[in-house]
Amino acid sequence: MQNERKTMNKKPVFTVPAKSILNLDSKFKEKGLSDGPTFSAGSACAYSCCYCYVPAMMSRNPHTRVLADNKASFEGSVIRRVNAPEILHQQLHYADGRPRYADPRDTRVVYASPLVDVGANLELARETIELCRIILRSTHWQIRLLSKSTLLPFIARELNDYRNRMIYGVSTGTPDDGIAAAIEAGTSKVSKRIESLHQMQDEGYRTFGMICPSLPQPDYVAFSKKMCQALRIERCEHVWCEVINVRGQSMTRTVTALQQAGYHDCACQLAATSNRQVWEDYARATFLAHTQLIPAGKLRFLQYVTAESRQWWSQQTNKGAILL
């Protein structure tokens, strides 16, 4: 592993050797975001979202050894994979150059990225475009991209020749720029992300909605209505929704960030969800509000269930609940 000794989005950048960029059997299939395949050119994001699950998920990954060697934190660093385009090309082709997945009937959806934002800056957006082109030229797959940046319209226009196989979405757990800034450090303003989604919709690109992770609300139906109007869900193929889940220190970091930004009521309401029943009530209220406004065939509400809650959520699958 090596340190590239530069910065990106004010974070030190570390580069690591990798055997793969493409994961053909990801758990994102369970979430409905892909048909199994995902790809990622990095292991630590240029953004810093308090609620991010990746630090906990990557804590024992060999890619994080470089951070210990350099006394750097995961949240404060960017990890990129060396020669990502070359590795992806190798994964998609046999040694003699023939594509491995050339069957025109194979139109699986591949999702990016399970680990890092695909458009956190112009350099990463251009890398994403290059990786997408490799996939689009080598397969008949469709690609779903999610970002917290405003660069998706740039990516879409660069890949315009493949517009029928590209699906774009922006992450919007809250419509409030201030709250988003408090818990999503370095990202584009959520209002600007929504504007970029509208640009793509107006230009005829395929889009999806991502209302997650959402905070506890004083009025869940009003919140859902505001988000659905903002995302123009009638123009989205699907809409994913999820509440904040406890992963590692994610909940503690999010509550602290809200408090420090002056959102004391939000922080208190979120802190209260550390009680399992309160969290369950918050998740159900969020889900039921969305079911009033998002058609069952379009809603994909992601919910981690327990032995106690499984029965109730199992009865909601026809309304769009996805049990994890």
Foldseek 3Di string as FASTA:
>chain_A
DAFPQDDDLNAGEREDADQAQKFQADPCCLLVQWVGIEGDQWQAESKAFLLDQSCLVCVPPPQCVVCVVVVHDRRRYTYGYPPHLVSLLPVQADPVNAGPAAPLVPAIEYEPDPHYACPLDPVSVVVSLSNVVSDVVRHNYAYEHEHLALCVVVSCVSVVVPQVRYEYEYAAQDQDQLLCCLRIPSGDRNLSNLVSLVVCLVVPGAYAAENPQHAQDPALLVRLVVRCVSNVHVRHQAHEYEHRDDHPCSLVSSLVSCVVSPVPVRSVLSVVVVPVVSVVVRLVSNLVSNLVPDAQSRYAYEDEDDPVCVVVQVVCVSSHYRYD
